[in-house]
N, C-alpha and C. Protein backbone atom coordinates (compact mmCIF):
# COMPACT_ATOMS: atom_id res chain seq x y z
N UNK A 1 29.65 -40.83 -49.76
CA UNK A 1 29.17 -39.83 -49.00
C UNK A 1 27.59 -39.73 -49.21
N UNK A 2 27.19 -39.96 -50.43
CA UNK A 2 25.96 -39.76 -50.81
C UNK A 2 25.06 -40.62 -50.02
N UNK A 3 25.42 -41.81 -49.89
CA UNK A 3 24.56 -43.00 -49.11
C UNK A 3 24.49 -42.46 -47.89
N UNK A 4 25.49 -42.13 -47.06
CA UNK A 4 25.45 -41.54 -45.69
C UNK A 4 24.34 -40.42 -45.51
N UNK A 5 24.46 -39.50 -46.33
CA UNK A 5 23.47 -38.34 -46.29
C UNK A 5 22.14 -38.72 -46.63
N UNK A 6 21.91 -39.76 -47.60
CA UNK A 6 20.57 -40.20 -47.76
C UNK A 6 19.99 -41.02 -46.49
N UNK A 7 20.83 -41.76 -45.86
CA UNK A 7 20.57 -42.38 -44.74
C UNK A 7 20.10 -41.64 -43.72
N UNK A 8 20.84 -40.67 -43.36
CA UNK A 8 20.38 -39.55 -42.31
C UNK A 8 19.18 -38.74 -42.65
N UNK A 9 19.02 -38.56 -43.86
CA UNK A 9 17.80 -37.93 -44.20
C UNK A 9 16.54 -38.93 -44.08
N UNK A 10 16.85 -40.14 -44.49
CA UNK A 10 15.49 -41.08 -44.29
C UNK A 10 15.18 -41.30 -42.83
N UNK A 11 16.26 -41.37 -41.95
CA UNK A 11 16.11 -41.60 -40.61
C UNK A 11 15.18 -40.43 -40.07
N UNK A 12 15.68 -39.17 -40.30
CA UNK A 12 14.93 -38.06 -39.65
C UNK A 12 13.56 -38.03 -40.23
N UNK A 13 13.31 -38.34 -41.61
CA UNK A 13 12.10 -38.34 -42.18
C UNK A 13 11.23 -39.36 -41.60
N UNK A 14 11.78 -40.41 -41.39
CA UNK A 14 11.08 -41.55 -40.57
C UNK A 14 10.43 -41.20 -39.36
N UNK A 15 11.53 -40.52 -38.61
CA UNK A 15 11.18 -40.07 -37.20
C UNK A 15 10.03 -38.97 -37.24
N UNK A 16 10.19 -38.03 -38.16
CA UNK A 16 9.03 -37.07 -38.32
C UNK A 16 7.78 -37.76 -38.58
N UNK A 17 7.90 -38.67 -39.53
CA UNK A 17 6.57 -39.27 -39.83
C UNK A 17 6.00 -40.14 -38.57
N UNK A 18 6.68 -40.68 -37.93
CA UNK A 18 6.28 -41.48 -36.84
C UNK A 18 5.65 -40.55 -35.75
N UNK A 19 6.39 -39.39 -35.35
CA UNK A 19 5.88 -38.59 -34.46
C UNK A 19 4.46 -37.88 -34.93
N UNK A 20 4.31 -37.75 -36.19
CA UNK A 20 3.14 -37.12 -36.78
C UNK A 20 1.99 -38.15 -36.62
N UNK A 21 2.30 -39.45 -36.95
CA UNK A 21 1.40 -40.63 -36.80
C UNK A 21 0.91 -40.73 -35.28
N UNK A 22 1.93 -40.65 -34.49
CA UNK A 22 1.73 -40.81 -33.06
C UNK A 22 0.77 -39.59 -32.43
N UNK A 23 1.19 -38.52 -32.84
CA UNK A 23 0.30 -37.46 -32.57
C UNK A 23 -1.06 -37.55 -33.00
N UNK A 24 -1.34 -37.93 -34.21
CA UNK A 24 -2.65 -38.16 -34.81
C UNK A 24 -3.26 -39.17 -33.89
N UNK A 25 -2.79 -40.32 -33.73
CA UNK A 25 -3.34 -41.38 -32.87
C UNK A 25 -3.90 -40.83 -31.56
N UNK A 26 -2.93 -40.04 -30.88
CA UNK A 26 -3.44 -39.45 -29.60
C UNK A 26 -4.60 -38.53 -29.78
N UNK A 27 -4.63 -37.63 -30.75
CA UNK A 27 -5.63 -36.83 -31.09
C UNK A 27 -7.00 -37.61 -31.22
N UNK A 28 -6.95 -38.64 -32.20
CA UNK A 28 -8.15 -39.47 -32.31
C UNK A 28 -8.57 -40.13 -31.11
N UNK A 29 -7.71 -40.54 -30.20
CA UNK A 29 -8.16 -41.13 -28.99
C UNK A 29 -8.73 -40.11 -28.03
N UNK A 30 -8.23 -38.81 -28.02
CA UNK A 30 -8.87 -37.74 -27.15
C UNK A 30 -10.03 -37.40 -27.78
N UNK A 31 -10.28 -37.36 -29.00
CA UNK A 31 -11.62 -36.98 -29.72
C UNK A 31 -12.60 -38.13 -29.28
N UNK A 32 -12.34 -39.32 -29.38
CA UNK A 32 -13.11 -40.60 -28.96
C UNK A 32 -13.53 -40.52 -27.60
N UNK A 33 -12.67 -39.87 -26.78
CA UNK A 33 -12.89 -40.10 -25.29
C UNK A 33 -13.43 -38.77 -24.78
N UNK A 34 -13.71 -37.65 -25.68
CA UNK A 34 -13.99 -36.41 -25.22
C UNK A 34 -12.89 -35.70 -24.31
N UNK A 35 -11.62 -36.01 -24.68
CA UNK A 35 -10.58 -35.30 -23.75
C UNK A 35 -10.19 -36.03 -22.63
N UNK A 36 -10.76 -37.30 -22.33
CA UNK A 36 -10.42 -37.95 -21.10
C UNK A 36 -9.20 -38.70 -21.24
N UNK A 37 -8.05 -38.36 -20.76
CA UNK A 37 -6.70 -38.77 -20.83
C UNK A 37 -6.53 -40.30 -20.39
N UNK A 38 -7.24 -40.58 -19.21
CA UNK A 38 -7.27 -42.05 -18.81
C UNK A 38 -7.90 -43.01 -19.83
N UNK A 39 -9.05 -42.50 -20.32
CA UNK A 39 -9.74 -43.46 -21.28
C UNK A 39 -8.95 -43.50 -22.57
N UNK A 40 -8.37 -42.41 -23.08
CA UNK A 40 -7.55 -42.36 -24.16
C UNK A 40 -6.33 -43.32 -24.04
N UNK A 41 -5.75 -43.36 -22.85
CA UNK A 41 -4.64 -44.09 -22.52
C UNK A 41 -4.96 -45.67 -22.72
N UNK A 42 -6.10 -45.96 -22.09
CA UNK A 42 -6.76 -47.30 -22.12
C UNK A 42 -7.03 -47.73 -23.52
N UNK A 43 -7.41 -46.76 -24.37
CA UNK A 43 -7.89 -47.13 -25.72
C UNK A 43 -6.65 -47.39 -26.54
N UNK A 44 -5.64 -46.71 -26.22
CA UNK A 44 -4.25 -46.79 -27.00
C UNK A 44 -3.48 -47.95 -26.27
N UNK A 45 -3.99 -48.55 -25.32
CA UNK A 45 -3.21 -49.58 -24.77
C UNK A 45 -1.81 -49.25 -24.03
N UNK A 46 -1.88 -48.05 -23.40
CA UNK A 46 -0.69 -47.50 -22.73
C UNK A 46 -1.24 -46.86 -21.45
N UNK A 47 -0.49 -46.31 -20.61
CA UNK A 47 -0.81 -45.69 -19.42
C UNK A 47 -1.13 -44.16 -19.49
N UNK A 48 -1.82 -43.69 -18.30
CA UNK A 48 -2.00 -42.15 -18.48
C UNK A 48 -0.74 -41.33 -18.42
N UNK A 49 0.25 -41.81 -17.66
CA UNK A 49 1.45 -41.13 -17.61
C UNK A 49 2.13 -41.13 -18.94
N UNK A 50 2.21 -42.09 -19.79
CA UNK A 50 2.69 -41.95 -21.09
C UNK A 50 2.04 -40.95 -22.08
N UNK A 51 0.50 -41.10 -21.91
CA UNK A 51 -0.14 -40.14 -22.71
C UNK A 51 0.01 -38.75 -22.24
N UNK A 52 0.04 -38.42 -20.94
CA UNK A 52 0.32 -37.26 -20.43
C UNK A 52 1.68 -36.55 -21.00
N UNK A 53 2.63 -37.46 -20.84
CA UNK A 53 3.97 -36.98 -21.49
C UNK A 53 3.92 -36.68 -22.91
N UNK A 54 3.25 -37.59 -23.62
CA UNK A 54 3.08 -37.29 -25.15
C UNK A 54 2.35 -36.19 -25.47
N UNK A 55 1.26 -35.78 -24.64
CA UNK A 55 0.41 -34.73 -25.02
C UNK A 55 1.28 -33.45 -24.75
N UNK A 56 2.15 -33.45 -23.81
CA UNK A 56 3.01 -32.31 -23.64
C UNK A 56 3.86 -32.32 -24.66
N UNK A 57 4.55 -33.21 -25.04
CA UNK A 57 5.68 -33.51 -26.05
C UNK A 57 5.15 -32.82 -27.53
N UNK A 58 3.86 -33.05 -27.77
CA UNK A 58 3.21 -32.75 -29.02
C UNK A 58 2.47 -31.32 -29.08
N UNK A 59 2.39 -30.81 -27.79
CA UNK A 59 1.80 -29.53 -27.62
C UNK A 59 0.33 -29.70 -27.87
N UNK A 60 -0.32 -30.92 -27.45
CA UNK A 60 -1.81 -31.03 -27.61
C UNK A 60 -2.50 -30.50 -26.31
N UNK A 61 -3.62 -29.77 -26.56
CA UNK A 61 -4.34 -29.41 -25.54
C UNK A 61 -5.71 -30.19 -25.36
N UNK A 62 -5.75 -31.13 -24.39
CA UNK A 62 -6.83 -32.10 -24.34
C UNK A 62 -8.18 -31.39 -24.01
N UNK A 63 -8.06 -30.17 -23.41
CA UNK A 63 -9.35 -29.49 -23.07
C UNK A 63 -10.15 -29.09 -24.38
N UNK A 64 -9.48 -29.08 -25.46
CA UNK A 64 -10.22 -28.55 -26.73
C UNK A 64 -11.09 -29.67 -27.34
N UNK A 65 -10.96 -30.96 -26.54
CA UNK A 65 -11.99 -32.13 -27.09
C UNK A 65 -12.95 -32.36 -26.21
N UNK A 66 -13.01 -31.70 -25.04
CA UNK A 66 -14.20 -31.82 -24.08
C UNK A 66 -15.31 -31.31 -24.62
N UNK A 67 -16.54 -31.93 -24.47
CA UNK A 67 -17.83 -31.46 -24.77
C UNK A 67 -18.28 -30.53 -23.69
N UNK A 68 -18.94 -29.40 -24.06
CA UNK A 68 -19.51 -28.40 -23.10
C UNK A 68 -20.95 -29.02 -22.83
N UNK A 69 -21.21 -29.02 -21.52
CA UNK A 69 -22.58 -29.42 -21.05
C UNK A 69 -23.53 -28.31 -21.25
């Protein structure tokens, strides 16, 4: 029983860590592109649709990375 509990805990921890890492990568890309989702997607080698989905999934507001003129 202990092994199964530990495996479940490790998997959930891994999922949490992967989500946190993915969120950080997206934020870094948005910072680099000043909030431009299309450019961030290109930088990360994915589509704008995927970035848009992940931005909503992780509750990221890309407007906060835009530079004011």
